[in-house]
Amino acid sequence: MPRSARQSAQTLAALAHEQGGYFTTKQAKEAGYGYNHLDYHETAGNFERVDHGLYRIPAVPRDEHDELIRLSLWSRNQKDEPQAVVSHDSALVLHEMTDLLPDRIHLTVPRTFRKPTPTGCVLHKAVIAEGDVEERTGFRVTSPFRTLLDSAQSEVSQEELEKAVANALTRGLVRRTKLSQAVEQNPRLSRLKAALGRIKANTK
């Protein structure tokens, strides 16, 4: 049974509120909006076209992480599923494990991802297990554990890495035993191993 205009509007509004005001063409279609409806509401100022296949409802207040939500939706595949996960330096900031303010947004995408890198972003290609991802409003971010593993293999300074590890351990975001197991199994985590050693020595 076709939805009424009111039902379609309510469905789309509820979805958009969960995504910082954003919605995709496919989501609008599933809510009951045709292309002619989208064009009408864009002309009327009810919808704002942000990118190809991506719109925003201006009446919805912008989320503090507006850009991360937009980039998540930008990364969607042909099934309309977001592919990007906020990671590395940007994830450190979200988890409040660093005081640094990165000048670029770091995202991890699947190895098969082919879209060009947006201005102001760094794309890392890797496989991320579902257990290493946390859901936020409108986007996903790597878990504190995965974030530290990624940071240990990035350009984050050793000093900042040690601060992040100490912060995560103190706040109970990660377990030392889990980090210790990871560094023993992966030789590429030598910087993380060194950080754990220094933190242990400093707490004696």
N, C-alpha and C. Protein backbone atom coordinates (compact mmCIF):
# COMPACT_ATOMS: atom_id res chain seq x y z
N MET A 1 0.85 -1.21 0.00
CA MET A 1 0.00 0.00 0.00
C MET A 1 0.88 1.25 0.00
N PRO A 2 0.66 2.15 -0.96
CA PRO A 2 1.50 3.35 -1.04
C PRO A 2 1.40 4.20 0.22
N ARG A 3 2.48 4.83 0.56
CA ARG A 3 2.49 5.70 1.74
C ARG A 3 1.90 7.06 1.39
N SER A 4 1.31 7.70 2.40
CA SER A 4 0.81 9.05 2.20
C SER A 4 2.00 10.00 2.23
N ALA A 5 1.78 11.22 1.76
CA ALA A 5 2.86 12.21 1.76
C ALA A 5 3.34 12.47 3.18
N ARG A 6 2.41 12.47 4.12
CA ARG A 6 2.78 12.70 5.53
C ARG A 6 3.65 11.55 6.05
N GLN A 7 3.27 10.31 5.74
CA GLN A 7 4.04 9.15 6.18
C GLN A 7 5.44 9.17 5.59
N SER A 8 5.52 9.51 4.31
CA SER A 8 6.83 9.58 3.65
C SER A 8 7.71 10.64 4.30
N ALA A 9 7.11 11.79 4.59
CA ALA A 9 7.86 12.89 5.21
C ALA A 9 8.34 12.50 6.60
N GLN A 10 7.49 11.83 7.37
CA GLN A 10 7.85 11.42 8.73
C GLN A 10 8.96 10.37 8.70
N THR A 11 8.85 9.43 7.77
CA THR A 11 9.86 8.37 7.66
C THR A 11 11.22 8.95 7.29
N LEU A 12 11.23 9.83 6.29
CA LEU A 12 12.48 10.42 5.85
C LEU A 12 13.07 11.33 6.92
N ALA A 13 12.23 12.10 7.60
CA ALA A 13 12.70 13.01 8.64
C ALA A 13 13.34 12.24 9.79
N ALA A 14 12.72 11.12 10.17
CA ALA A 14 13.26 10.30 11.27
C ALA A 14 14.63 9.74 10.89
N LEU A 15 14.75 9.27 9.65
CA LEU A 15 16.02 8.73 9.18
C LEU A 15 17.08 9.82 9.12
N ALA A 16 16.71 10.97 8.59
CA ALA A 16 17.66 12.07 8.45
C ALA A 16 18.17 12.54 9.81
N HIS A 17 17.31 12.55 10.81
CA HIS A 17 17.73 12.98 12.14
C HIS A 17 18.80 12.04 12.71
N GLU A 18 18.75 10.77 12.32
CA GLU A 18 19.74 9.80 12.78
C GLU A 18 21.07 9.96 12.05
N GLN A 19 21.06 10.75 10.98
CA GLN A 19 22.24 10.93 10.14
C GLN A 19 22.61 12.40 10.02
N GLY A 20 22.37 13.15 11.07
CA GLY A 20 22.74 14.55 11.06
C GLY A 20 22.02 15.40 10.05
N GLY A 21 20.84 14.95 9.63
CA GLY A 21 20.07 15.70 8.64
C GLY A 21 20.26 15.21 7.22
N TYR A 22 21.19 14.29 7.01
CA TYR A 22 21.49 13.80 5.66
C TYR A 22 20.64 12.59 5.28
N PHE A 23 20.46 12.41 3.99
CA PHE A 23 19.82 11.19 3.47
C PHE A 23 20.25 11.01 2.02
N THR A 24 20.20 9.78 1.55
CA THR A 24 20.59 9.49 0.18
C THR A 24 19.36 9.39 -0.71
N THR A 25 19.59 9.43 -2.01
CA THR A 25 18.49 9.30 -2.97
C THR A 25 17.77 7.98 -2.77
N LYS A 26 18.54 6.92 -2.53
CA LYS A 26 17.94 5.59 -2.34
C LYS A 26 17.08 5.57 -1.08
N GLN A 27 17.56 6.19 -0.01
CA GLN A 27 16.78 6.24 1.22
C GLN A 27 15.48 7.02 1.02
N ALA A 28 15.57 8.10 0.25
CA ALA A 28 14.38 8.90 -0.03
C ALA A 28 13.38 8.09 -0.85
N LYS A 29 13.89 7.33 -1.81
CA LYS A 29 13.02 6.50 -2.64
C LYS A 29 12.31 5.46 -1.80
N GLU A 30 13.05 4.85 -0.86
CA GLU A 30 12.46 3.83 0.01
C GLU A 30 11.41 4.43 0.94
N ALA A 31 11.56 5.72 1.23
CA ALA A 31 10.59 6.41 2.09
C ALA A 31 9.35 6.84 1.32
N GLY A 32 9.44 6.78 -0.02
CA GLY A 32 8.28 7.13 -0.83
C GLY A 32 8.45 8.35 -1.71
N TYR A 33 9.68 8.86 -1.82
CA TYR A 33 9.93 10.05 -2.64
C TYR A 33 10.47 9.66 -4.02
N GLY A 34 9.86 10.23 -5.06
CA GLY A 34 10.38 10.04 -6.40
C GLY A 34 11.34 11.17 -6.74
N TYR A 35 12.01 11.07 -7.90
CA TYR A 35 12.96 12.12 -8.30
C TYR A 35 12.27 13.48 -8.43
N ASN A 36 11.02 13.45 -8.92
CA ASN A 36 10.29 14.72 -9.07
C ASN A 36 10.02 15.37 -7.72
N HIS A 37 9.80 14.53 -6.69
CA HIS A 37 9.58 15.07 -5.34
C HIS A 37 10.86 15.71 -4.80
N LEU A 38 11.98 15.04 -5.06
CA LEU A 38 13.26 15.58 -4.59
C LEU A 38 13.55 16.92 -5.25
N ASP A 39 13.29 16.99 -6.56
CA ASP A 39 13.52 18.24 -7.29
C ASP A 39 12.62 19.35 -6.74
N TYR A 40 11.37 19.00 -6.46
CA TYR A 40 10.42 19.99 -5.94
C TYR A 40 10.90 20.53 -4.59
N HIS A 41 11.26 19.62 -3.68
CA HIS A 41 11.66 20.05 -2.34
C HIS A 41 13.00 20.78 -2.34
N GLU A 42 13.85 20.44 -3.31
CA GLU A 42 15.12 21.18 -3.42
C GLU A 42 14.84 22.61 -3.86
N THR A 43 13.98 22.76 -4.85
CA THR A 43 13.61 24.09 -5.34
C THR A 43 12.92 24.92 -4.25
N ALA A 44 12.11 24.24 -3.44
CA ALA A 44 11.38 24.92 -2.37
C ALA A 44 12.27 25.24 -1.17
N GLY A 45 13.48 24.69 -1.16
CA GLY A 45 14.39 24.95 -0.05
C GLY A 45 14.23 24.01 1.12
N ASN A 46 13.39 22.98 0.95
CA ASN A 46 13.19 22.00 2.03
C ASN A 46 14.34 21.01 2.11
N PHE A 47 14.92 20.70 0.95
CA PHE A 47 16.06 19.80 0.86
C PHE A 47 17.23 20.55 0.22
N GLU A 48 18.42 20.18 0.60
CA GLU A 48 19.63 20.75 0.01
C GLU A 48 20.45 19.63 -0.62
N ARG A 49 20.77 19.76 -1.89
CA ARG A 49 21.61 18.76 -2.54
C ARG A 49 23.07 19.01 -2.15
N VAL A 50 23.68 18.02 -1.52
CA VAL A 50 25.04 18.15 -1.01
C VAL A 50 26.07 17.56 -1.96
N ASP A 51 25.71 16.44 -2.56
CA ASP A 51 26.62 15.72 -3.45
C ASP A 51 25.77 14.84 -4.34
N HIS A 52 26.41 14.11 -5.22
CA HIS A 52 25.67 13.20 -6.10
C HIS A 52 24.92 12.17 -5.25
N GLY A 53 23.60 12.19 -5.35
CA GLY A 53 22.80 11.22 -4.61
C GLY A 53 22.72 11.46 -3.12
N LEU A 54 23.14 12.65 -2.67
CA LEU A 54 23.15 12.94 -1.23
C LEU A 54 22.48 14.29 -0.97
N TYR A 55 21.54 14.29 -0.04
CA TYR A 55 20.79 15.50 0.31
C TYR A 55 20.86 15.76 1.82
N ARG A 56 20.41 16.95 2.18
CA ARG A 56 20.34 17.30 3.60
C ARG A 56 19.09 18.15 3.84
N ILE A 57 18.48 17.95 5.02
CA ILE A 57 17.34 18.77 5.41
C ILE A 57 17.88 19.95 6.22
N PRO A 58 17.85 21.16 5.67
CA PRO A 58 18.44 22.34 6.34
C PRO A 58 17.86 22.62 7.72
N ALA A 59 16.60 22.21 7.95
CA ALA A 59 15.96 22.50 9.23
C ALA A 59 16.56 21.70 10.38
N VAL A 60 17.28 20.63 10.06
CA VAL A 60 17.89 19.80 11.10
C VAL A 60 19.21 20.44 11.52
N PRO A 61 19.40 20.72 12.81
CA PRO A 61 20.66 21.32 13.27
C PRO A 61 21.85 20.44 12.90
N ARG A 62 22.94 21.07 12.53
CA ARG A 62 24.13 20.30 12.16
C ARG A 62 24.75 19.65 13.39
N ASP A 63 25.12 18.40 13.24
CA ASP A 63 25.78 17.64 14.31
C ASP A 63 27.21 18.15 14.48
N GLU A 64 27.76 18.00 15.67
CA GLU A 64 29.14 18.44 15.90
C GLU A 64 30.13 17.68 15.02
N HIS A 65 29.73 16.50 14.56
CA HIS A 65 30.58 15.70 13.68
C HIS A 65 30.00 15.67 12.27
N ASP A 66 29.46 16.79 11.84
CA ASP A 66 28.79 16.89 10.55
C ASP A 66 29.64 16.37 9.40
N GLU A 67 30.91 16.75 9.37
CA GLU A 67 31.76 16.35 8.25
C GLU A 67 31.99 14.84 8.23
N LEU A 68 32.09 14.23 9.40
CA LEU A 68 32.30 12.78 9.46
C LEU A 68 31.06 12.04 8.97
N ILE A 69 29.89 12.56 9.30
CA ILE A 69 28.64 11.95 8.83
C ILE A 69 28.56 12.05 7.31
N ARG A 70 28.88 13.23 6.79
CA ARG A 70 28.82 13.43 5.34
C ARG A 70 29.80 12.52 4.61
N LEU A 71 31.00 12.38 5.15
CA LEU A 71 32.00 11.53 4.52
C LEU A 71 31.61 10.06 4.58
N SER A 72 30.96 9.68 5.67
CA SER A 72 30.50 8.30 5.78
C SER A 72 29.50 7.99 4.68
N LEU A 73 28.55 8.89 4.46
CA LEU A 73 27.56 8.69 3.41
C LEU A 73 28.18 8.81 2.03
N TRP A 74 29.17 9.67 1.89
CA TRP A 74 29.88 9.80 0.61
C TRP A 74 30.51 8.46 0.22
N SER A 75 30.95 7.70 1.20
CA SER A 75 31.70 6.46 0.93
C SER A 75 30.81 5.27 0.59
N ARG A 76 29.49 5.47 0.55
CA ARG A 76 28.59 4.33 0.36
C ARG A 76 28.85 3.61 -0.96
N ASN A 77 28.58 2.30 -0.94
CA ASN A 77 28.76 1.48 -2.14
C ASN A 77 27.47 1.45 -2.96
N GLN A 78 27.42 0.56 -3.95
CA GLN A 78 26.25 0.51 -4.83
C GLN A 78 25.00 0.05 -4.10
N LYS A 79 25.19 -0.59 -2.95
CA LYS A 79 24.05 -1.01 -2.13
C LYS A 79 23.65 0.08 -1.14
N ASP A 80 24.28 1.23 -1.25
CA ASP A 80 24.01 2.38 -0.38
C ASP A 80 24.54 2.17 1.04
N GLU A 81 25.54 1.30 1.19
CA GLU A 81 26.12 1.00 2.50
C GLU A 81 27.42 1.79 2.69
N PRO A 82 27.52 2.62 3.73
CA PRO A 82 28.76 3.36 3.99
C PRO A 82 29.94 2.41 4.16
N GLN A 83 31.06 2.76 3.56
CA GLN A 83 32.25 1.92 3.61
C GLN A 83 33.34 2.46 4.52
N ALA A 84 33.36 3.76 4.73
CA ALA A 84 34.44 4.39 5.49
C ALA A 84 34.23 4.26 7.00
N VAL A 85 35.35 4.07 7.70
CA VAL A 85 35.36 4.04 9.16
C VAL A 85 36.38 5.07 9.63
N VAL A 86 35.99 5.97 10.50
CA VAL A 86 36.93 6.97 11.02
C VAL A 86 38.02 6.23 11.80
N SER A 87 39.27 6.56 11.52
CA SER A 87 40.37 5.79 12.12
C SER A 87 41.61 6.65 12.38
N HIS A 88 42.68 5.97 12.83
CA HIS A 88 43.98 6.59 13.05
C HIS A 88 43.88 7.87 13.89
N ASP A 89 44.52 8.95 13.44
CA ASP A 89 44.56 10.20 14.21
C ASP A 89 43.16 10.71 14.57
N SER A 90 42.23 10.60 13.63
CA SER A 90 40.87 11.09 13.86
C SER A 90 40.16 10.28 14.93
N ALA A 91 40.42 8.98 14.95
CA ALA A 91 39.81 8.12 15.98
C ALA A 91 40.41 8.42 17.35
N LEU A 92 41.70 8.73 17.39
CA LEU A 92 42.34 9.11 18.66
C LEU A 92 41.62 10.31 19.26
N VAL A 93 41.28 11.27 18.41
CA VAL A 93 40.59 12.48 18.87
C VAL A 93 39.19 12.14 19.37
N LEU A 94 38.46 11.33 18.62
CA LEU A 94 37.09 10.98 19.01
C LEU A 94 37.05 10.23 20.34
N HIS A 95 38.06 9.40 20.57
CA HIS A 95 38.13 8.65 21.83
C HIS A 95 38.79 9.46 22.94
N GLU A 96 39.16 10.69 22.62
CA GLU A 96 39.80 11.61 23.58
C GLU A 96 41.07 11.00 24.16
N MET A 97 41.85 10.37 23.29
CA MET A 97 43.12 9.79 23.71
C MET A 97 44.30 10.67 23.32
N THR A 98 44.02 11.83 22.76
CA THR A 98 45.08 12.75 22.37
C THR A 98 44.55 14.18 22.43
N ASP A 99 45.47 15.11 22.59
CA ASP A 99 45.11 16.54 22.55
C ASP A 99 45.43 17.14 21.19
N LEU A 100 46.00 16.33 20.31
CA LEU A 100 46.36 16.82 18.98
C LEU A 100 45.10 17.09 18.15
N LEU A 101 45.22 18.02 17.22
CA LEU A 101 44.15 18.33 16.30
C LEU A 101 44.66 18.08 14.88
N PRO A 102 44.42 16.90 14.33
CA PRO A 102 44.90 16.56 12.99
C PRO A 102 44.39 17.54 11.94
N ASP A 103 45.24 17.84 10.97
CA ASP A 103 44.82 18.77 9.92
C ASP A 103 44.07 18.06 8.80
N ARG A 104 43.99 16.73 8.87
CA ARG A 104 43.25 15.96 7.89
C ARG A 104 42.42 14.88 8.59
N ILE A 105 41.35 14.48 7.96
CA ILE A 105 40.49 13.42 8.50
C ILE A 105 40.98 12.07 7.98
N HIS A 106 41.18 11.14 8.89
CA HIS A 106 41.65 9.81 8.52
C HIS A 106 40.49 8.83 8.47
N LEU A 107 40.36 8.13 7.36
CA LEU A 107 39.32 7.14 7.17
C LEU A 107 39.93 5.84 6.66
N THR A 108 39.40 4.72 7.11
CA THR A 108 39.82 3.43 6.58
C THR A 108 38.69 2.89 5.73
N VAL A 109 39.03 2.44 4.53
CA VAL A 109 38.05 1.91 3.58
C VAL A 109 38.51 0.53 3.11
N PRO A 110 37.62 -0.27 2.52
CA PRO A 110 38.01 -1.58 2.00
C PRO A 110 39.08 -1.46 0.92
N ARG A 111 39.84 -2.50 0.73
CA ARG A 111 40.92 -2.48 -0.27
C ARG A 111 40.38 -2.30 -1.69
N THR A 112 39.13 -2.67 -1.90
CA THR A 112 38.53 -2.55 -3.24
C THR A 112 37.91 -1.18 -3.48
N PHE A 113 37.99 -0.29 -2.50
CA PHE A 113 37.38 1.05 -2.62
C PHE A 113 38.07 1.83 -3.74
N ARG A 114 37.27 2.47 -4.60
CA ARG A 114 37.83 3.13 -5.77
C ARG A 114 37.54 4.63 -5.87
N LYS A 115 36.76 5.18 -4.99
CA LYS A 115 36.45 6.61 -5.09
C LYS A 115 37.69 7.46 -4.81
N PRO A 116 37.83 8.61 -5.48
CA PRO A 116 38.99 9.48 -5.24
C PRO A 116 38.96 10.06 -3.83
N THR A 117 40.13 10.31 -3.28
CA THR A 117 40.24 10.84 -1.92
C THR A 117 39.74 12.28 -1.86
N PRO A 118 38.80 12.59 -0.98
CA PRO A 118 38.30 13.97 -0.86
C PRO A 118 39.39 14.89 -0.31
N THR A 119 39.29 16.15 -0.62
CA THR A 119 40.23 17.14 -0.09
C THR A 119 40.16 17.14 1.43
N GLY A 120 41.33 17.16 2.05
CA GLY A 120 41.38 17.20 3.51
C GLY A 120 41.26 15.85 4.18
N CYS A 121 41.34 14.79 3.38
CA CYS A 121 41.21 13.44 3.94
C CYS A 121 42.43 12.58 3.61
N VAL A 122 42.61 11.55 4.42
CA VAL A 122 43.60 10.51 4.15
C VAL A 122 42.84 9.19 4.17
N LEU A 123 42.93 8.43 3.10
CA LEU A 123 42.26 7.13 3.03
C LEU A 123 43.26 6.01 3.27
N HIS A 124 42.98 5.17 4.23
CA HIS A 124 43.78 3.98 4.51
C HIS A 124 42.97 2.78 4.03
N LYS A 125 43.59 1.86 3.33
CA LYS A 125 42.86 0.69 2.85
C LYS A 125 43.25 -0.54 3.68
N ALA A 126 42.26 -1.13 4.32
CA ALA A 126 42.51 -2.28 5.18
C ALA A 126 41.20 -2.97 5.50
N VAL A 127 41.33 -4.18 6.04
CA VAL A 127 40.16 -4.93 6.50
C VAL A 127 39.98 -4.65 7.99
N ILE A 128 38.78 -4.29 8.38
CA ILE A 128 38.48 -4.04 9.79
C ILE A 128 37.37 -4.98 10.23
N ALA A 129 37.64 -5.78 11.25
CA ALA A 129 36.63 -6.70 11.77
C ALA A 129 35.51 -5.92 12.43
N GLU A 130 34.31 -6.47 12.39
CA GLU A 130 33.16 -5.79 12.99
C GLU A 130 33.38 -5.52 14.47
N GLY A 131 34.12 -6.40 15.13
CA GLY A 131 34.39 -6.21 16.55
C GLY A 131 35.32 -5.06 16.84
N ASP A 132 35.96 -4.54 15.80
CA ASP A 132 36.89 -3.41 15.96
C ASP A 132 36.25 -2.09 15.56
N VAL A 133 34.94 -2.08 15.44
CA VAL A 133 34.22 -0.87 15.01
C VAL A 133 33.14 -0.50 16.02
N GLU A 134 33.01 0.80 16.27
CA GLU A 134 31.95 1.31 17.15
C GLU A 134 31.02 2.20 16.33
N GLU A 135 29.74 2.12 16.63
CA GLU A 135 28.74 2.94 15.95
C GLU A 135 28.57 4.28 16.67
N ARG A 136 28.61 5.35 15.90
CA ARG A 136 28.29 6.68 16.42
C ARG A 136 27.10 7.21 15.62
N THR A 137 26.63 8.38 15.94
CA THR A 137 25.49 8.95 15.21
C THR A 137 25.89 9.31 13.78
N GLY A 138 25.48 8.47 12.84
CA GLY A 138 25.73 8.76 11.43
C GLY A 138 27.06 8.31 10.87
N PHE A 139 27.92 7.72 11.69
CA PHE A 139 29.20 7.23 11.18
C PHE A 139 29.76 6.16 12.11
N ARG A 140 30.84 5.52 11.68
CA ARG A 140 31.49 4.49 12.49
C ARG A 140 32.94 4.90 12.76
N VAL A 141 33.46 4.41 13.86
CA VAL A 141 34.84 4.72 14.25
C VAL A 141 35.50 3.45 14.76
N THR A 142 36.80 3.33 14.55
CA THR A 142 37.50 2.16 15.06
C THR A 142 37.50 2.16 16.59
N SER A 143 37.49 0.98 17.18
CA SER A 143 37.51 0.85 18.64
C SER A 143 38.82 1.40 19.19
N PRO A 144 38.88 1.72 20.48
CA PRO A 144 40.14 2.20 21.06
C PRO A 144 41.29 1.22 20.81
N PHE A 145 41.02 -0.07 20.93
CA PHE A 145 42.05 -1.09 20.71
C PHE A 145 42.57 -1.02 19.28
N ARG A 146 41.68 -1.06 18.31
CA ARG A 146 42.10 -1.01 16.90
C ARG A 146 42.77 0.32 16.59
N THR A 147 42.29 1.39 17.19
CA THR A 147 42.87 2.71 16.96
C THR A 147 44.34 2.75 17.39
N LEU A 148 44.65 2.14 18.52
CA LEU A 148 46.05 2.10 18.98
C LEU A 148 46.91 1.25 18.06
N LEU A 149 46.37 0.15 17.57
CA LEU A 149 47.14 -0.69 16.64
C LEU A 149 47.44 0.08 15.36
N ASP A 150 46.44 0.79 14.85
CA ASP A 150 46.64 1.58 13.63
C ASP A 150 47.64 2.71 13.86
N SER A 151 47.51 3.38 15.00
CA SER A 151 48.39 4.52 15.30
C SER A 151 49.84 4.09 15.45
N ALA A 152 50.04 2.87 15.96
CA ALA A 152 51.39 2.36 16.14
C ALA A 152 52.08 2.12 14.80
N GLN A 153 51.29 2.02 13.73
CA GLN A 153 51.86 1.78 12.40
C GLN A 153 51.69 3.01 11.50
N SER A 154 51.43 4.15 12.12
CA SER A 154 51.22 5.38 11.36
C SER A 154 52.32 6.39 11.66
N GLU A 155 52.07 7.65 11.28
CA GLU A 155 53.07 8.69 11.49
C GLU A 155 52.92 9.40 12.83
N VAL A 156 52.05 8.91 13.69
CA VAL A 156 51.92 9.48 15.04
C VAL A 156 53.26 9.32 15.76
N SER A 157 53.73 10.38 16.41
CA SER A 157 55.03 10.32 17.09
C SER A 157 54.99 9.31 18.23
N GLN A 158 56.17 8.82 18.59
CA GLN A 158 56.25 7.85 19.68
C GLN A 158 55.74 8.45 20.99
N GLU A 159 56.05 9.72 21.20
CA GLU A 159 55.59 10.39 22.42
C GLU A 159 54.07 10.44 22.49
N GLU A 160 53.43 10.81 21.38
CA GLU A 160 51.97 10.88 21.36
C GLU A 160 51.35 9.49 21.46
N LEU A 161 52.01 8.50 20.87
CA LEU A 161 51.52 7.13 20.96
C LEU A 161 51.52 6.67 22.41
N GLU A 162 52.61 6.96 23.12
CA GLU A 162 52.70 6.57 24.52
C GLU A 162 51.64 7.27 25.36
N LYS A 163 51.39 8.53 25.07
CA LYS A 163 50.34 9.27 25.80
C LYS A 163 48.98 8.64 25.55
N ALA A 164 48.73 8.26 24.30
CA ALA A 164 47.44 7.67 23.95
C ALA A 164 47.26 6.31 24.63
N VAL A 165 48.31 5.52 24.65
CA VAL A 165 48.24 4.20 25.30
C VAL A 165 48.00 4.37 26.80
N ALA A 166 48.75 5.26 27.42
CA ALA A 166 48.60 5.51 28.86
C ALA A 166 47.19 5.99 29.17
N ASN A 167 46.68 6.88 28.33
CA ASN A 167 45.33 7.41 28.51
C ASN A 167 44.29 6.29 28.43
N ALA A 168 44.43 5.44 27.42
CA ALA A 168 43.47 4.36 27.22
C ALA A 168 43.50 3.35 28.37
N LEU A 169 44.70 3.05 28.85
CA LEU A 169 44.83 2.11 29.97
C LEU A 169 44.25 2.69 31.25
N THR A 170 44.55 3.94 31.52
CA THR A 170 44.06 4.60 32.73
C THR A 170 42.54 4.66 32.77
N ARG A 171 41.94 4.92 31.62
CA ARG A 171 40.48 5.07 31.55
C ARG A 171 39.76 3.74 31.34
N GLY A 172 40.52 2.66 31.20
CA GLY A 172 39.91 1.36 31.01
C GLY A 172 39.33 1.12 29.63
N LEU A 173 39.82 1.87 28.64
CA LEU A 173 39.32 1.71 27.28
C LEU A 173 39.86 0.44 26.63
N VAL A 174 41.04 0.01 27.07
CA VAL A 174 41.66 -1.21 26.57
C VAL A 174 42.30 -1.95 27.75
N ARG A 175 42.56 -3.24 27.55
CA ARG A 175 43.25 -4.03 28.57
C ARG A 175 44.71 -4.22 28.17
N ARG A 176 45.59 -4.08 29.12
CA ARG A 176 47.02 -4.24 28.84
C ARG A 176 47.30 -5.64 28.28
N THR A 177 46.64 -6.66 28.83
CA THR A 177 46.90 -8.02 28.37
C THR A 177 46.55 -8.18 26.89
N LYS A 178 45.48 -7.53 26.45
CA LYS A 178 45.09 -7.63 25.04
C LYS A 178 46.11 -6.94 24.15
N LEU A 179 46.61 -5.78 24.58
CA LEU A 179 47.63 -5.08 23.81
C LEU A 179 48.92 -5.89 23.78
N SER A 180 49.29 -6.48 24.91
CA SER A 180 50.52 -7.27 25.00
C SER A 180 50.45 -8.48 24.07
N GLN A 181 49.30 -9.12 24.02
CA GLN A 181 49.13 -10.26 23.12
C GLN A 181 49.27 -9.83 21.67
N ALA A 182 48.71 -8.67 21.35
CA ALA A 182 48.76 -8.17 19.97
C ALA A 182 50.19 -7.89 19.53
N VAL A 183 50.99 -7.26 20.40
CA VAL A 183 52.36 -6.91 20.00
C VAL A 183 53.23 -8.14 19.87
N GLU A 184 52.93 -9.18 20.62
CA GLU A 184 53.72 -10.41 20.53
C GLU A 184 53.41 -11.17 19.24
N GLN A 185 52.22 -10.98 18.73
CA GLN A 185 51.80 -11.69 17.53
C GLN A 185 52.10 -10.95 16.24
N ASN A 186 52.39 -9.65 16.35
CA ASN A 186 52.60 -8.84 15.15
C ASN A 186 53.88 -8.01 15.28
N PRO A 187 54.95 -8.36 14.56
CA PRO A 187 56.21 -7.62 14.64
C PRO A 187 56.10 -6.17 14.16
N ARG A 188 55.05 -5.85 13.42
CA ARG A 188 54.88 -4.47 12.94
C ARG A 188 54.42 -3.53 14.05
N LEU A 189 54.12 -4.10 15.21
CA LEU A 189 53.67 -3.28 16.34
C LEU A 189 54.79 -3.01 17.33
N SER A 190 56.01 -2.93 16.82
CA SER A 190 57.17 -2.72 17.69
C SER A 190 57.08 -1.40 18.46
N ARG A 191 56.52 -0.38 17.83
CA ARG A 191 56.39 0.92 18.53
C ARG A 191 55.40 0.82 19.69
N LEU A 192 54.36 0.04 19.50
CA LEU A 192 53.39 -0.16 20.57
C LEU A 192 54.01 -0.97 21.71
N LYS A 193 54.82 -1.93 21.35
CA LYS A 193 55.52 -2.74 22.36
C LYS A 193 56.44 -1.85 23.19
N ALA A 194 57.15 -0.95 22.52
CA ALA A 194 58.05 -0.03 23.23
C ALA A 194 57.26 0.90 24.15
N ALA A 195 56.11 1.35 23.68
CA ALA A 195 55.27 2.24 24.49
C ALA A 195 54.79 1.54 25.75
N LEU A 196 54.37 0.29 25.61
CA LEU A 196 53.92 -0.47 26.77
C LEU A 196 55.05 -0.67 27.77
N GLY A 197 56.26 -0.91 27.23
CA GLY A 197 57.42 -1.10 28.10
C GLY A 197 57.74 0.15 28.90
N ARG A 198 57.70 1.30 28.25
CA ARG A 198 58.02 2.56 28.92
C ARG A 198 56.96 2.90 29.97
N ILE A 199 55.71 2.66 29.63
CA ILE A 199 54.63 2.94 30.58
C ILE A 199 54.75 2.05 31.81
N LYS A 200 55.08 0.79 31.60
CA LYS A 200 55.24 -0.14 32.72
C LYS A 200 56.40 0.28 33.60
N ALA A 201 57.50 0.71 32.97
CA ALA A 201 58.68 1.14 33.73
C ALA A 201 58.39 2.39 34.54
N ASN A 202 57.61 3.30 33.96
CA ASN A 202 57.31 4.57 34.64
C ASN A 202 56.32 4.41 35.79
N THR A 203 55.61 3.28 35.82
CA THR A 203 54.62 3.08 36.89
C THR A 203 55.17 2.25 38.04
N LYS A 204 56.40 1.82 37.93
CA LYS A 204 57.01 1.03 39.01
C LYS A 204 57.43 1.94 40.15
